[in-house]
Each structure stands twice: as structure tokens, then as C-alpha cells.
Amino acid sequence: MRHADWGAVSARWAGIRSEEIDVCGTGVHYLSAGAGRAGPVQLLVHPMAGSASMWLDVIAPLSALGPVVAPDLPGTLFGHTGTPHPRAARAEPNARFLRAFAARLGIRDAVVHGWSMGALVSVLFAEAAPERVGRLVLAAPALPGPLPADEVLFWRVLGRPLLAAGPPVVRTVLRLAGRRMLELKGRMYADPDNWRGSIAGDLSGVSPDMVALLAGELRGARPRRLGDAVTAFASVMSALYVDRRSIDRAIDGARAPALVLWGGQDGLITRGTVDELVERRPDWELCVFETAGHLLPLEAPDDYVRAVGR
């Protein structure tokens, strides 16, 4: 979905624009607000396989801190950026994409917000292009956490072959049942009560406009793009469990100050993961939202913006 001004969809999104530029021969769609305002660029990196529209509820308030730019990554399920090659949806290619995208727009010393799997991409981006990243905001971050010894052994022995064999099988299933799966998912998103548990906590802060938008985007999603979501997911599983060397190096070497935001009701990212992260990087600050879940920027957009502004 694209709009010259998203205020046509909701008054809360007024002033947010859909833009498109060419990056290395690929058309890239992004949302922008607050162009020309004083302050660092707020560069928003959505959860992998999602899209920039997931950030809509925080874009306008964040623009008080500086211009906001939220691109659709390659391999998105709902977005409009092309997928230039089969591996484009993986985490490391996405980090390289952000480097090229930021260079194309002349972005330097940005506050880079990474949400969920987008946090993994953001940390890799900070390593690849430190001059482009001034600060990091890592929301519900899908980053390495503690692993019991038996799980370490499992992933070391079976993780690589499973991740190699699994995606082709899943893609075959998706070709046959992808549309049906999207319809079921769309019905689930239409009722926020279904979000409770693994992905959400307190839903009172989720705007009805966002609920309607996500449900509508699922209805309009193209089943063939589900294969890119599988590629993205397998990439993250590999980075978190099979071969952590790249992301460990990026976390340890990151020069940018970081704010880690986590919801106490997050059923996907454990408290142990964020505690280990800030223990590993004591210069990184942790802020906990006790009633929020994995959809923190949607569940508590005002609190999110206040934490970043502080």
C-alpha cells in the first residue's frame, strides 16, 4: 500500500509519505516524515518479512526528533521493494542493502531502530557502515541469548542440515497452500485478542487503524513472497543458533551507543536474552515495558517514543 500522504488512511498518519528511489538497480519503497527538520535521521528497520508500514504509529511522533525514514527491506511480505536475487531476504544481504540505501540518501550518524529480526539486521549494518550509525535502538531484539548445553550440541550437529533441507520443503508447501495460509492469518490479525500470548501483551494501546491496516495487507499479500519469508527466517535461525560468529562479532564491536527495549510479556524474546545482551555490553541501556509484548512499538507507541527521546 502506498500513499502520497498517509493521512488519507488515518489522521494519526498525516504527513507520512510513500517515496521510491533506485538503489543499485532495484526500486526501493520507503516511508518518510519530517524532511528537513533538525536532528538526526531516525532510520527504522522493520521485522524481517514485515514492511515499513508496521512502524506507522511511531513515525509521526518520532519526527519531532528528526527526519524519519523507514524502508521496505528486500524480501518483505507486504512491502514494495524488489527482491534482486534469491538470497536478498537474508540478514547479512539486508544489512548490505541498508548500507547502500543510506549512502543513496546521504544518511550519516542516524539513530537506527531495529525491531525483532530487524535488530539483527541493524547490528550487522552498524558493523558494516559505522559512519552511518550514530545510535541504536533495539526493540524486542532477535539477538543471541543463552543456550543450554544440549541445545548447543543439537544445533551444532543437526542445525545446518535442517536449515538447508527445511526451506525447500516449506516453499513447496507454500506454493500449494500459501493463499489459504494468508487468509487464515488475515482472519487472526483482524481480531487483536488473537495476538495475545506469543506476540502481544497489553493491546489497549494498539490503534484500530493499525489493526485494520495489517489485516488488509495480509489479504493483499502475494503468496509467492512467502518463500522470501522462509529465507529470512532460516537466515535468522542460523545466525542465532548455528553459526553466531558474525553477529557475535558485530555485537562486541559495535561503537554506537544502544538502547534495548523489551516487553515483559514478550513470548518470543526471553528476559534471559536481553539480560545477557546488556551484561555483555554494559554500556548498552535496557528499558523494560512490563505490560508490553513482542509488538512493543504497536502496543506502546507513546512510551516507545518517550524512551527514545530521553
C-alpha atoms as a PDB file:
ATOM      1  CA  MET A   1       0.000   0.000   0.000  1.00  0.00           C
ATOM      2  CA  ARG A   2       1.354   3.435  -0.982  1.00  0.00           C
ATOM      3  CA  HIS A   3       0.052   6.953  -0.362  1.00  0.00           C
ATOM      4  CA  ALA A   4       1.352  10.405  -1.217  1.00  0.00           C
ATOM      5  CA  ASP A   5       0.116  11.288   2.287  1.00  0.00           C
ATOM      6  CA  TRP A   6      -0.934   8.531   4.668  1.00  0.00           C
ATOM      7  CA  GLY A   7      -3.298  10.983   6.287  1.00  0.00           C
ATOM      8  CA  ALA A   8      -5.740   9.755   3.612  1.00  0.00           C
ATOM      9  CA  VAL A   9      -5.909   6.479   5.567  1.00  0.00           C
ATOM     10  CA  SER A  10      -5.754   7.823   9.121  1.00  0.00           C
ATOM     11  CA  ALA A  11      -5.403  11.285  10.628  1.00  0.00           C
ATOM     12  CA  ARG A  12      -2.758   9.879  13.007  1.00  0.00           C
ATOM     13  CA  TRP A  13      -0.542   9.159   9.957  1.00  0.00           C
ATOM     14  CA  ALA A  14      -0.868  12.599   8.331  1.00  0.00           C
ATOM     15  CA  GLY A  15       2.378  13.903   6.869  1.00  0.00           C
ATOM     16  CA  ILE A  16       3.879  10.439   6.260  1.00  0.00           C
ATOM     17  CA  ARG A  17       4.721   9.939   2.598  1.00  0.00           C
ATOM     18  CA  SER A  18       5.465   6.938   0.396  1.00  0.00           C
ATOM     19  CA  GLU A  19       8.650   7.520  -1.607  1.00  0.00           C
ATOM     20  CA  GLU A  20      10.647   5.420  -4.072  1.00  0.00           C
ATOM     21  CA  ILE A  21      14.280   5.533  -5.194  1.00  0.00           C
ATOM     22  CA  ASP A  22      16.589   3.290  -7.159  1.00  0.00           C
ATOM     23  CA  VAL A  23      19.303   1.507  -5.172  1.00  0.00           C
ATOM     24  CA  CYS A  24      21.786  -0.483  -7.260  1.00  0.00           C
ATOM     25  CA  GLY A  25      19.155  -1.134  -9.919  1.00  0.00           C
ATOM     26  CA  THR A  26      16.356  -2.130  -7.517  1.00  0.00           C
ATOM     27  CA  GLY A  27      13.299   0.032  -6.855  1.00  0.00           C
ATOM     28  CA  VAL A  28      13.087   0.713  -3.106  1.00  0.00           C
ATOM     29  CA  HIS A  29       9.911   1.899  -1.402  1.00  0.00           C
ATOM     30  CA  TYR A  30      10.186   3.774   1.891  1.00  0.00           C
ATOM     31  CA  LEU A  31       8.094   5.921   4.224  1.00  0.00           C
ATOM     32  CA  SER A  32       9.307   9.366   5.231  1.00  0.00           C
ATOM     33  CA  ALA A  33       8.244  12.180   7.519  1.00  0.00           C
ATOM     34  CA  GLY A  34       9.773  15.377   8.869  1.00  0.00           C
ATOM     35  CA  ALA A  35      12.119  16.025   5.940  1.00  0.00           C
ATOM     36  CA  GLY A  36      14.356  18.997   6.619  1.00  0.00           C
ATOM     37  CA  ARG A  37      13.781  19.046  10.371  1.00  0.00           C
ATOM     38  CA  ALA A  38      16.678  19.488  12.777  1.00  0.00           C
ATOM     39  CA  GLY A  39      18.026  16.379  14.459  1.00  0.00           C
ATOM     40  CA  PRO A  40      19.483  13.044  13.421  1.00  0.00           C
ATOM     41  CA  VAL A  41      17.685  10.841  10.909  1.00  0.00           C
ATOM     42  CA  GLN A  42      15.593   8.140  12.573  1.00  0.00           C
ATOM     43  CA  LEU A  43      16.140   5.087  10.342  1.00  0.00           C
ATOM     44  CA  LEU A  44      13.556   2.386  11.088  1.00  0.00           C
ATOM     45  CA  VAL A  45      14.227  -1.284  10.268  1.00  0.00           C
ATOM     46  CA  HIS A  46      11.080  -3.407  10.366  1.00  0.00           C
ATOM     47  CA  PRO A  47      10.839  -7.072  11.392  1.00  0.00           C
ATOM     48  CA  MET A  48      12.056  -9.224   8.521  1.00  0.00           C
ATOM     49  CA  ALA A  49       9.236 -10.352   6.188  1.00  0.00           C
ATOM     50  CA  GLY A  50       7.105  -7.458   7.529  1.00  0.00           C
ATOM     51  CA  SER A  51       7.176  -3.973   5.995  1.00  0.00           C
ATOM     52  CA  ALA A  52       7.803  -0.327   6.822  1.00  0.00           C
ATOM     53  CA  SER A  53       4.074   0.174   7.453  1.00  0.00           C
ATOM     54  CA  MET A  54       4.441  -1.675  10.770  1.00  0.00           C
ATOM     55  CA  TRP A  55       6.170   1.491  12.066  1.00  0.00           C
ATOM     56  CA  LEU A  56       3.364   3.894  11.097  1.00  0.00           C
ATOM     57  CA  ASP A  57       2.154   4.604  14.637  1.00  0.00           C
ATOM     58  CA  VAL A  58       5.587   5.855  15.787  1.00  0.00           C
ATOM     59  CA  ILE A  59       6.757   7.665  12.642  1.00  0.00           C
ATOM     60  CA  ALA A  60       4.899  10.958  13.174  1.00  0.00           C
ATOM     61  CA  PRO A  61       5.875  11.353  16.871  1.00  0.00           C
ATOM     62  CA  LEU A  62       9.478  10.313  16.132  1.00  0.00           C
ATOM     63  CA  SER A  63       9.696  13.062  13.505  1.00  0.00           C
ATOM     64  CA  ALA A  64       9.845  15.557  16.390  1.00  0.00           C
ATOM     65  CA  LEU A  65      13.378  14.215  16.974  1.00  0.00           C
ATOM     66  CA  GLY A  66      14.473  14.489  13.332  1.00  0.00           C
ATOM     67  CA  PRO A  67      13.602  13.250   9.836  1.00  0.00           C
ATOM     68  CA  VAL A  68      12.220   9.705   9.775  1.00  0.00           C
ATOM     69  CA  VAL A  69      12.959   7.164   7.050  1.00  0.00           C
ATOM     70  CA  ALA A  70      11.538   3.613   7.047  1.00  0.00           C
ATOM     71  CA  PRO A  71      12.422   1.431   4.043  1.00  0.00           C
ATOM     72  CA  ASP A  72      10.815  -1.805   2.925  1.00  0.00           C
ATOM     73  CA  LEU A  73      13.628  -4.362   3.036  1.00  0.00           C
ATOM     74  CA  PRO A  74      14.100  -6.775   0.126  1.00  0.00           C
ATOM     75  CA  GLY A  75      12.039  -9.905   0.631  1.00  0.00           C
ATOM     76  CA  THR A  76       9.181  -8.265   2.544  1.00  0.00           C
ATOM     77  CA  LEU A  77       5.812  -9.981   2.582  1.00  0.00           C
ATOM     78  CA  PHE A  78       3.756  -6.759   2.351  1.00  0.00           C
ATOM     79  CA  GLY A  79       6.229  -4.175   1.061  1.00  0.00           C
ATOM     80  CA  HIS A  80       7.064  -2.816  -2.364  1.00  0.00           C
ATOM     81  CA  THR A  81      10.855  -3.176  -2.585  1.00  0.00           C
ATOM     82  CA  GLY A  82      12.057  -5.653  -5.180  1.00  0.00           C
ATOM     83  CA  THR A  83      13.999  -8.824  -4.415  1.00  0.00           C
ATOM     84  CA  PRO A  84      17.079  -8.579  -6.651  1.00  0.00           C
ATOM     85  CA  HIS A  85      18.378 -12.121  -6.014  1.00  0.00           C
ATOM     86  CA  PRO A  86      17.237 -15.299  -4.174  1.00  0.00           C
ATOM     87  CA  ARG A  87      19.340 -14.591  -1.059  1.00  0.00           C
ATOM     88  CA  ALA A  88      18.336 -10.936  -0.739  1.00  0.00           C
ATOM     89  CA  ALA A  89      15.967 -11.581   2.187  1.00  0.00           C
ATOM     90  CA  ARG A  90      18.749 -12.993   4.381  1.00  0.00           C
ATOM     91  CA  ALA A  91      20.062 -10.936   7.300  1.00  0.00           C
ATOM     92  CA  GLU A  92      23.545 -10.088   6.003  1.00  0.00           C
ATOM     93  CA  PRO A  93      22.363  -9.073   2.500  1.00  0.00           C
ATOM     94  CA  ASN A  94      19.735  -6.899   4.192  1.00  0.00           C
ATOM     95  CA  ALA A  95      22.491  -5.187   6.176  1.00  0.00           C
ATOM     96  CA  ARG A  96      24.383  -4.532   2.942  1.00  0.00           C
ATOM     97  CA  PHE A  97      21.156  -3.216   1.413  1.00  0.00           C
ATOM     98  CA  LEU A  98      20.803  -0.731   4.292  1.00  0.00           C
ATOM     99  CA  ARG A  99      24.360   0.449   3.728  1.00  0.00           C
ATOM    100  CA  ALA A 100      23.611   1.126   0.043  1.00  0.00           C
ATOM    101  CA  PHE A 101      20.226   2.697   0.855  1.00  0.00           C
ATOM    102  CA  ALA A 102      21.702   5.020   3.499  1.00  0.00           C
ATOM    103  CA  ALA A 103      24.507   6.020   1.135  1.00  0.00           C
ATOM    104  CA  ARG A 104      21.976   6.746  -1.621  1.00  0.00           C
ATOM    105  CA  LEU A 105      20.078   9.137   0.689  1.00  0.00           C
ATOM    106  CA  GLY A 106      23.245  10.594   2.229  1.00  0.00           C
ATOM    107  CA  ILE A 107      22.315   9.403   5.723  1.00  0.00           C
ATOM    108  CA  ARG A 108      25.061   9.603   8.365  1.00  0.00           C
ATOM    109  CA  ASP A 109      25.052   9.237  12.176  1.00  0.00           C
ATOM    110  CA  ALA A 110      21.451   8.036  12.142  1.00  0.00           C
ATOM    111  CA  VAL A 111      19.516   6.688  15.096  1.00  0.00           C
ATOM    112  CA  VAL A 112      18.842   3.196  13.742  1.00  0.00           C
ATOM    113  CA  HIS A 113      15.787   1.436  15.174  1.00  0.00           C
ATOM    114  CA  GLY A 114      15.713  -2.345  14.703  1.00  0.00           C
ATOM    115  CA  TRP A 115      12.616  -4.266  15.736  1.00  0.00           C
ATOM    116  CA  SER A 116      12.690  -8.035  16.288  1.00  0.00           C
ATOM    117  CA  MET A 117      14.623  -9.591  13.404  1.00  0.00           C
ATOM    118  CA  GLY A 118      15.260  -6.023  12.257  1.00  0.00           C
ATOM    119  CA  ALA A 119      17.504  -5.623  15.321  1.00  0.00           C
ATOM    120  CA  LEU A 120      19.760  -8.365  13.983  1.00  0.00           C
ATOM    121  CA  VAL A 121      19.968  -6.572  10.635  1.00  0.00           C
ATOM    122  CA  SER A 122      20.610  -3.228  12.375  1.00  0.00           C
ATOM    123  CA  VAL A 123      23.554  -4.542  14.418  1.00  0.00           C
ATOM    124  CA  LEU A 124      25.090  -6.079  11.294  1.00  0.00           C
ATOM    125  CA  PHE A 125      24.513  -2.761   9.484  1.00  0.00           C
ATOM    126  CA  ALA A 126      26.248  -0.875  12.305  1.00  0.00           C
ATOM    127  CA  GLU A 127      29.291  -3.090  11.835  1.00  0.00           C
ATOM    128  CA  ALA A 128      29.249  -2.755   8.038  1.00  0.00           C
ATOM    129  CA  ALA A 129      28.765   1.033   7.964  1.00  0.00           C
ATOM    130  CA  PRO A 130      29.702   2.579  11.332  1.00  0.00           C
ATOM    131  CA  GLU A 131      29.789   6.069   9.810  1.00  0.00           C
ATOM    132  CA  ARG A 132      26.077   5.757   9.007  1.00  0.00           C
ATOM    133  CA  VAL A 133      25.027   4.759  12.543  1.00  0.00           C
ATOM    134  CA  GLY A 134      25.188   7.187  15.463  1.00  0.00           C
ATOM    135  CA  ARG A 135      22.960   5.274  17.898  1.00  0.00           C
ATOM    136  CA  LEU A 136      20.999   2.028  18.018  1.00  0.00           C
ATOM    137  CA  VAL A 137      17.519   1.355  19.372  1.00  0.00           C
ATOM    138  CA  LEU A 138      16.911  -2.407  19.561  1.00  0.00           C
ATOM    139  CA  ALA A 139      13.243  -3.240  20.219  1.00  0.00           C
ATOM    140  CA  ALA A 140      12.318  -6.814  21.179  1.00  0.00           C
ATOM    141  CA  PRO A 141      15.672  -7.783  19.642  1.00  0.00           C
ATOM    142  CA  ALA A 142      16.111 -11.172  17.958  1.00  0.00           C
ATOM    143  CA  LEU A 143      19.738 -11.495  19.046  1.00  0.00           C
ATOM    144  CA  PRO A 144      21.708 -14.408  20.551  1.00  0.00           C
ATOM    145  CA  GLY A 145      20.727 -15.459  24.047  1.00  0.00           C
ATOM    146  CA  PRO A 146      21.797 -18.183  26.468  1.00  0.00           C
ATOM    147  CA  LEU A 147      21.648 -21.765  25.158  1.00  0.00           C
ATOM    148  CA  PRO A 148      21.652 -24.920  27.324  1.00  0.00           C
ATOM    149  CA  ALA A 149      24.471 -27.340  26.537  1.00  0.00           C
ATOM    150  CA  ASP A 150      22.125 -29.898  24.969  1.00  0.00           C
ATOM    151  CA  GLU A 151      20.701 -27.268  22.595  1.00  0.00           C
ATOM    152  CA  VAL A 152      24.202 -26.142  21.639  1.00  0.00           C
ATOM    153  CA  LEU A 153      25.015 -29.746  20.711  1.00  0.00           C
ATOM    154  CA  PHE A 154      21.742 -30.163  18.796  1.00  0.00           C
ATOM    155  CA  TRP A 155      22.280 -27.063  16.666  1.00  0.00           C
ATOM    156  CA  ARG A 156      25.951 -27.858  16.134  1.00  0.00           C
ATOM    157  CA  VAL A 157      25.185 -31.364  14.836  1.00  0.00           C
ATOM    158  CA  LEU A 158      21.773 -31.026  13.172  1.00  0.00           C
ATOM    159  CA  GLY A 159      21.137 -27.307  12.752  1.00  0.00           C
ATOM    160  CA  ARG A 160      22.924 -26.745   9.472  1.00  0.00           C
ATOM    161  CA  PRO A 161      21.441 -29.752   7.595  1.00  0.00           C
ATOM    162  CA  LEU A 162      17.956 -28.992   8.954  1.00  0.00           C
ATOM    163  CA  LEU A 163      18.108 -25.371   7.813  1.00  0.00           C
ATOM    164  CA  ALA A 164      19.450 -26.470   4.452  1.00  0.00           C
ATOM    165  CA  ALA A 165      16.747 -29.087   3.879  1.00  0.00           C
ATOM    166  CA  GLY A 166      13.798 -27.366   5.547  1.00  0.00           C
ATOM    167  CA  PRO A 167      13.230 -24.224   3.425  1.00  0.00           C
ATOM    168  CA  PRO A 168      12.855 -26.068   0.059  1.00  0.00           C
ATOM    169  CA  VAL A 169      10.222 -28.345   1.599  1.00  0.00           C
ATOM    170  CA  VAL A 170       8.380 -25.410   3.164  1.00  0.00           C
ATOM    171  CA  ARG A 171       8.428 -23.498  -0.135  1.00  0.00           C
ATOM    172  CA  THR A 172       6.808 -26.473  -1.873  1.00  0.00           C
ATOM    173  CA  VAL A 173       4.037 -26.493   0.723  1.00  0.00           C
ATOM    174  CA  LEU A 174       3.592 -22.734   0.371  1.00  0.00           C
ATOM    175  CA  ARG A 175       3.149 -22.996  -3.386  1.00  0.00           C
ATOM    176  CA  LEU A 176       0.213 -25.305  -2.734  1.00  0.00           C
ATOM    177  CA  ALA A 177      -1.308 -23.733   0.369  1.00  0.00           C
ATOM    178  CA  GLY A 178       0.111 -20.194   0.550  1.00  0.00           C
ATOM    179  CA  ARG A 179      -3.116 -18.343  -0.238  1.00  0.00           C
ATOM    180  CA  ARG A 180      -5.063 -20.389   2.310  1.00  0.00           C
ATOM    181  CA  MET A 181      -2.439 -19.683   4.982  1.00  0.00           C
ATOM    182  CA  LEU A 182      -2.568 -15.951   4.296  1.00  0.00           C
ATOM    183  CA  GLU A 183      -6.357 -15.968   4.557  1.00  0.00           C
ATOM    184  CA  LEU A 184      -6.175 -17.727   7.938  1.00  0.00           C
ATOM    185  CA  LYS A 185      -3.517 -15.299   9.137  1.00  0.00           C
ATOM    186  CA  GLY A 186      -5.608 -12.364   7.954  1.00  0.00           C
ATOM    187  CA  ARG A 187      -8.589 -13.536   9.975  1.00  0.00           C
ATOM    188  CA  MET A 188      -6.360 -13.884  13.017  1.00  0.00           C
ATOM    189  CA  TYR A 189      -4.981 -10.350  12.665  1.00  0.00           C
ATOM    190  CA  ALA A 190      -8.487  -8.956  12.269  1.00  0.00           C
ATOM    191  CA  ASP A 191      -9.111  -9.787  15.961  1.00  0.00           C
ATOM    192  CA  PRO A 192      -6.357  -8.415  18.237  1.00  0.00           C
ATOM    193  CA  ASP A 193      -7.383 -10.817  21.011  1.00  0.00           C
ATOM    194  CA  ASN A 194      -5.692 -13.489  18.893  1.00  0.00           C
ATOM    195  CA  TRP A 195      -2.393 -11.632  19.258  1.00  0.00           C
ATOM    196  CA  ARG A 196      -2.178 -12.291  22.987  1.00  0.00           C
ATOM    197  CA  GLY A 197       0.375 -14.746  24.260  1.00  0.00           C
ATOM    198  CA  SER A 198       3.347 -15.200  21.981  1.00  0.00           C
ATOM    199  CA  ILE A 199       3.397 -11.802  20.254  1.00  0.00           C
ATOM    200  CA  ALA A 200       1.497  -9.292  22.395  1.00  0.00           C
ATOM    201  CA  GLY A 201       0.736  -8.249  25.940  1.00  0.00           C
ATOM    202  CA  ASP A 202      -1.399  -5.186  26.673  1.00  0.00           C
ATOM    203  CA  LEU A 203      -3.330  -4.423  23.492  1.00  0.00           C
ATOM    204  CA  SER A 204      -5.089  -1.293  24.740  1.00  0.00           C
ATOM    205  CA  GLY A 205      -2.506   0.907  23.011  1.00  0.00           C
ATOM    206  CA  VAL A 206      -2.805  -0.739  19.575  1.00  0.00           C
ATOM    207  CA  SER A 207      -4.698   1.617  17.277  1.00  0.00           C
ATOM    208  CA  PRO A 208      -7.747   0.288  15.370  1.00  0.00           C
ATOM    209  CA  ASP A 209      -6.215   1.854  12.252  1.00  0.00           C
ATOM    210  CA  MET A 210      -3.153  -0.378  12.584  1.00  0.00           C
ATOM    211  CA  VAL A 211      -5.278  -3.478  13.174  1.00  0.00           C
ATOM    212  CA  ALA A 212      -7.239  -2.751  10.009  1.00  0.00           C
ATOM    213  CA  LEU A 213      -4.088  -1.997   8.011  1.00  0.00           C
ATOM    214  CA  LEU A 214      -2.304  -5.229   8.975  1.00  0.00           C
ATOM    215  CA  ALA A 215      -5.384  -7.306   8.218  1.00  0.00           C
ATOM    216  CA  GLY A 216      -5.788  -5.584   4.846  1.00  0.00           C
ATOM    217  CA  GLU A 217      -2.124  -6.042   3.931  1.00  0.00           C
ATOM    218  CA  LEU A 218      -2.355  -9.743   4.714  1.00  0.00           C
ATOM    219  CA  ARG A 219      -5.381 -10.057   2.473  1.00  0.00           C
ATOM    220  CA  GLY A 220      -3.477  -8.394  -0.347  1.00  0.00           C
ATOM    221  CA  ALA A 221      -0.160 -10.222   0.163  1.00  0.00           C
ATOM    222  CA  ARG A 222       1.222 -12.293  -2.698  1.00  0.00           C
ATOM    223  CA  PRO A 223       1.682 -15.978  -1.756  1.00  0.00           C
ATOM    224  CA  ARG A 224       4.848 -16.260  -3.848  1.00  0.00           C
ATOM    225  CA  ARG A 225       6.521 -13.822  -1.438  1.00  0.00           C
ATOM    226  CA  LEU A 226       6.115 -16.307   1.409  1.00  0.00           C
ATOM    227  CA  GLY A 227       9.221 -18.030   0.059  1.00  0.00           C
ATOM    228  CA  ASP A 228      11.253 -14.908   0.890  1.00  0.00           C
ATOM    229  CA  ALA A 229       9.845 -15.013   4.434  1.00  0.00           C
ATOM    230  CA  VAL A 230      11.119 -18.590   4.739  1.00  0.00           C
ATOM    231  CA  THR A 231      14.564 -17.466   3.523  1.00  0.00           C
ATOM    232  CA  ALA A 232      14.611 -14.638   6.074  1.00  0.00           C
ATOM    233  CA  PHE A 233      13.533 -16.903   8.936  1.00  0.00           C
ATOM    234  CA  ALA A 234      16.123 -19.573   8.116  1.00  0.00           C
ATOM    235  CA  SER A 235      18.799 -16.872   7.966  1.00  0.00           C
ATOM    236  CA  VAL A 236      17.920 -15.613  11.445  1.00  0.00           C
ATOM    237  CA  MET A 237      17.768 -19.116  12.918  1.00  0.00           C
ATOM    238  CA  SER A 238      21.223 -19.773  11.506  1.00  0.00           C
ATOM    239  CA  ALA A 239      22.616 -16.532  12.953  1.00  0.00           C
ATOM    240  CA  LEU A 240      21.122 -17.157  16.401  1.00  0.00           C
ATOM    241  CA  TYR A 241      21.731 -20.876  16.805  1.00  0.00           C
ATOM    242  CA  VAL A 242      24.001 -22.457  14.191  1.00  0.00           C
ATOM    243  CA  ASP A 243      26.798 -20.001  13.450  1.00  0.00           C
ATOM    244  CA  ARG A 244      26.848 -16.991  15.765  1.00  0.00           C
ATOM    245  CA  ARG A 245      30.264 -15.712  14.769  1.00  0.00           C
ATOM    246  CA  SER A 246      29.091 -12.854  12.540  1.00  0.00           C
ATOM    247  CA  ILE A 247      26.517 -11.452  14.933  1.00  0.00           C
ATOM    248  CA  ASP A 248      28.764 -12.005  17.992  1.00  0.00           C
ATOM    249  CA  ARG A 249      31.498 -10.018  16.264  1.00  0.00           C
ATOM    250  CA  ALA A 250      29.036  -7.272  15.353  1.00  0.00           C
ATOM    251  CA  ILE A 251      27.652  -7.001  18.908  1.00  0.00           C
ATOM    252  CA  ASP A 252      31.088  -6.934  20.514  1.00  0.00           C
ATOM    253  CA  GLY A 253      32.467  -4.452  18.000  1.00  0.00           C
ATOM    254  CA  ALA A 254      29.547  -2.019  17.794  1.00  0.00           C
ATOM    255  CA  ARG A 255      30.730   1.511  18.528  1.00  0.00           C
ATOM    256  CA  ALA A 256      27.289   3.116  18.615  1.00  0.00           C
ATOM    257  CA  PRO A 257      25.533   3.531  21.989  1.00  0.00           C
ATOM    258  CA  ALA A 258      22.460   1.310  22.183  1.00  0.00           C
ATOM    259  CA  LEU A 259      19.092   1.369  23.923  1.00  0.00           C
ATOM    260  CA  VAL A 260      17.495  -2.069  24.309  1.00  0.00           C
ATOM    261  CA  LEU A 261      13.686  -2.010  24.636  1.00  0.00           C
ATOM    262  CA  TRP A 262      11.898  -5.151  25.787  1.00  0.00           C
ATOM    263  CA  GLY A 263       8.329  -6.027  26.772  1.00  0.00           C
ATOM    264  CA  GLY A 264       7.837  -8.107  29.895  1.00  0.00           C
ATOM    265  CA  GLN A 265       5.079 -10.113  28.158  1.00  0.00           C
ATOM    266  CA  ASP A 266       7.223 -10.969  25.119  1.00  0.00           C
ATOM    267  CA  GLY A 267       6.683 -14.649  24.358  1.00  0.00           C
ATOM    268  CA  LEU A 268       9.384 -14.780  21.664  1.00  0.00           C
ATOM    269  CA  ILE A 269      12.379 -12.970  23.165  1.00  0.00           C
ATOM    270  CA  THR A 270      13.200 -14.100  26.707  1.00  0.00           C
ATOM    271  CA  ARG A 271      14.339 -11.959  29.616  1.00  0.00           C
ATOM    272  CA  GLY A 272      17.480 -14.091  29.667  1.00  0.00           C
ATOM    273  CA  THR A 273      18.304 -12.942  26.140  1.00  0.00           C
ATOM    274  CA  VAL A 274      18.132  -9.222  26.921  1.00  0.00           C
ATOM    275  CA  ASP A 275      19.872  -9.657  30.295  1.00  0.00           C
ATOM    276  CA  GLU A 276      22.753 -11.486  28.629  1.00  0.00           C
ATOM    277  CA  LEU A 277      22.913  -8.800  25.967  1.00  0.00           C
ATOM    278  CA  VAL A 278      23.321  -5.906  28.415  1.00  0.00           C
ATOM    279  CA  GLU A 279      25.658  -7.965  30.606  1.00  0.00           C
ATOM    280  CA  ARG A 280      27.808  -8.500  27.541  1.00  0.00           C
ATOM    281  CA  ARG A 281      27.570  -4.804  26.649  1.00  0.00           C
ATOM    282  CA  PRO A 282      27.230  -2.957  29.995  1.00  0.00           C
ATOM    283  CA  ASP A 283      27.387   0.341  28.089  1.00  0.00           C
ATOM    284  CA  TRP A 284      24.037  -0.532  26.476  1.00  0.00           C
ATOM    285  CA  GLU A 285      20.933   0.558  28.382  1.00  0.00           C
ATOM    286  CA  LEU A 286      17.912  -1.692  28.968  1.00  0.00           C
ATOM    287  CA  CYS A 287      14.401  -0.296  29.294  1.00  0.00           C
ATOM    288  CA  VAL A 288      11.618  -2.756  30.198  1.00  0.00           C
ATOM    289  CA  PHE A 289       7.915  -2.216  29.452  1.00  0.00           C
ATOM    290  CA  GLU A 290       6.311  -4.676  31.842  1.00  0.00           C
ATOM    291  CA  THR A 291       2.887  -4.946  30.169  1.00  0.00           C
ATOM    292  CA  ALA A 292       4.043  -4.962  26.522  1.00  0.00           C
ATOM    293  CA  GLY A 293       4.883  -7.932  24.347  1.00  0.00           C
ATOM    294  CA  HIS A 294       6.781  -8.527  21.125  1.00  0.00           C
ATOM    295  CA  LEU A 295       4.718  -5.873  19.303  1.00  0.00           C
ATOM    296  CA  LEU A 296       6.094  -3.180  21.603  1.00  0.00           C
ATOM    297  CA  PRO A 297       6.132  -0.277  19.077  1.00  0.00           C
ATOM    298  CA  LEU A 298       2.464  -1.009  18.305  1.00  0.00           C
ATOM    299  CA  GLU A 299       1.355  -1.719  21.875  1.00  0.00           C
ATOM    300  CA  ALA A 300       3.047   1.294  23.485  1.00  0.00           C
ATOM    301  CA  PRO A 301       3.956   3.792  20.724  1.00  0.00           C
ATOM    302  CA  ASP A 302       3.943   6.848  23.007  1.00  0.00           C
ATOM    303  CA  ASP A 303       6.116   5.141  25.633  1.00  0.00           C
ATOM    304  CA  TYR A 304       8.428   3.929  22.874  1.00  0.00           C
ATOM    305  CA  VAL A 305       8.960   7.462  21.544  1.00  0.00           C
ATOM    306  CA  ARG A 306       9.455   8.873  25.063  1.00  0.00           C
ATOM    307  CA  ALA A 307      12.136   6.274  25.815  1.00  0.00           C
ATOM    308  CA  VAL A 308      13.974   7.101  22.591  1.00  0.00           C
ATOM    309  CA  GLY A 309      13.691  10.846  23.144  1.00  0.00           C
ATOM    310  CA  ARG A 310      15.059  10.507  26.650  1.00  0.00           C
END
